[in-house]
């Protein structure tokens, strides 16, 4: 899964664009603000999935994002006390985690 990144815009519509969405911006600051918003939306989607899927009410929303990501990675690798259901949306969760890489502003909050 491709991660969001800011790249120079080559089509003349703006100076910067976000790959892979192809949204264009006149300034780097505008692109950075939108990137942060996209990453935040991905993180919110991840929390929604976790809240729905975990029958043990773990308070993911009030944990630090980095702690949540690390926990989910451990969970997916079978390193926690919880078993992964066959119905768990593993591919979707992995996709979101891959987008929320170490450089994500969301993980630095």
Protein backbone atom coordinates (compact mmCIF):
# COMPACT_ATOMS: atom_id res chain seq x y z
CA UNK A 1 0.00 0.00 0.00
CA UNK A 2 1.38 3.34 -1.03
CA UNK A 3 1.89 5.94 1.68
CA UNK A 4 0.93 9.58 1.43
CA UNK A 5 3.82 11.86 0.56
CA UNK A 6 4.34 15.39 -0.67
CA UNK A 7 6.02 15.68 -4.05
CA UNK A 8 6.65 18.53 -6.49
CA UNK A 9 3.72 19.05 -8.84
CA UNK A 10 4.70 18.59 -12.48
CA UNK A 11 1.38 19.27 -14.20
CA UNK A 12 1.37 23.05 -13.73
CA UNK A 13 -1.77 23.14 -11.57
CA UNK A 14 0.16 23.86 -8.36
CA UNK A 15 3.63 23.75 -6.87
CA UNK A 16 3.11 20.66 -4.67
CA UNK A 17 0.90 17.59 -4.68
CA UNK A 18 0.14 14.70 -2.39
CA UNK A 19 0.81 11.28 -3.83
CA UNK A 20 -1.17 9.09 -4.42
CA UNK A 21 -4.25 11.36 -4.14
CA UNK A 22 -2.92 13.89 -6.72
CA UNK A 23 -4.35 16.82 -4.74
CA UNK A 24 -2.41 19.96 -5.70
CA UNK A 25 -1.38 22.96 -3.60
CA UNK A 26 0.23 26.33 -4.19
CA UNK A 27 2.41 26.17 -1.06
CA UNK A 28 4.28 23.45 0.79
CA UNK A 29 2.51 24.53 4.00
CA UNK A 30 -0.92 23.86 2.44
CA UNK A 31 0.25 20.42 1.34
CA UNK A 32 1.65 19.65 4.81
CA UNK A 33 -1.63 20.66 6.47
CA UNK A 34 -3.60 18.39 4.14
CA UNK A 35 -1.14 15.54 4.67
CA UNK A 36 -1.62 15.83 8.42
CA UNK A 37 -5.40 15.75 7.90
CA UNK A 38 -5.21 12.62 5.73
CA UNK A 39 -3.02 10.86 8.27
CA UNK A 40 -5.35 11.88 11.08
CA UNK A 41 -8.31 10.44 9.15
CA UNK A 42 -6.44 7.15 8.71
CA UNK A 43 -5.73 7.00 12.43
CA UNK A 44 -9.38 7.73 13.29
CA UNK A 45 -10.44 4.94 10.92
CA UNK A 46 -8.01 2.55 12.63
CA UNK A 47 -9.45 3.43 16.06
CA UNK A 48 -13.00 2.86 14.77
CA UNK A 49 -12.06 -0.60 13.54
CA UNK A 50 -10.31 -1.51 16.79
CA UNK A 51 -13.19 -0.25 18.94
CA UNK A 52 -15.63 -2.31 16.89
CA UNK A 53 -13.55 -5.49 16.64
CA UNK A 54 -12.25 -5.82 20.19
CA UNK A 55 -14.90 -7.23 22.50
CA UNK A 56 -12.56 -6.46 25.41
CA UNK A 57 -13.10 -2.74 25.81
CA UNK A 58 -9.60 -1.43 25.44
CA UNK A 59 -9.48 2.36 25.45
CA UNK A 60 -7.58 2.88 22.19
CA UNK A 61 -8.84 6.44 21.71
CA UNK A 62 -7.14 7.67 24.88
CA UNK A 63 -3.80 5.97 24.28
CA UNK A 64 -0.90 7.58 22.50
CA UNK A 65 -0.98 6.79 18.78
CA UNK A 66 2.48 5.18 18.83
CA UNK A 67 1.37 2.86 21.66
CA UNK A 68 -1.74 1.84 19.72
CA UNK A 69 0.27 1.11 16.56
CA UNK A 70 2.83 -0.92 18.51
CA UNK A 71 0.06 -2.87 20.27
CA UNK A 72 -1.75 -3.62 17.00
CA UNK A 73 1.50 -4.83 15.41
CA UNK A 74 2.04 -7.16 18.39
CA UNK A 75 -1.59 -8.32 18.16
CA UNK A 76 -1.25 -9.12 14.46
CA UNK A 77 1.94 -11.07 15.18
CA UNK A 78 0.21 -13.11 17.92
CA UNK A 79 2.21 -11.50 20.73
CA UNK A 80 -0.79 -10.49 22.86
CA UNK A 81 -3.27 -12.45 24.94
CA UNK A 82 -5.98 -11.97 22.30
CA UNK A 83 -6.66 -14.28 19.38
CA UNK A 84 -7.32 -12.94 15.90
CA UNK A 85 -10.76 -13.82 14.63
CA UNK A 86 -11.10 -15.03 11.04
CA UNK A 87 -13.44 -12.06 10.55
CA UNK A 88 -10.92 -9.46 11.75
CA UNK A 89 -10.15 -7.05 8.86
CA UNK A 90 -6.43 -7.74 8.99
CA UNK A 91 -5.65 -6.43 5.49
CA UNK A 92 -7.44 -3.13 6.12
CA UNK A 93 -5.71 -2.68 9.48
CA UNK A 94 -2.31 -3.48 7.96
CA UNK A 95 -2.97 -1.00 5.18
CA UNK A 96 -3.77 1.76 7.67
CA UNK A 97 -0.74 0.95 9.80
CA UNK A 98 1.52 1.03 6.76
CA UNK A 99 0.21 4.47 5.87
CA UNK A 100 0.86 5.66 9.41
CA UNK A 101 4.59 5.25 9.18
CA UNK A 102 7.18 6.54 11.65
CA UNK A 103 7.30 9.94 9.94
CA UNK A 104 3.57 10.49 10.43
CA UNK A 105 2.65 13.60 12.39
CA UNK A 106 -0.10 11.55 14.02
CA UNK A 107 2.43 9.30 15.71
CA UNK A 108 4.31 12.28 17.09
CA UNK A 109 1.29 13.59 19.02
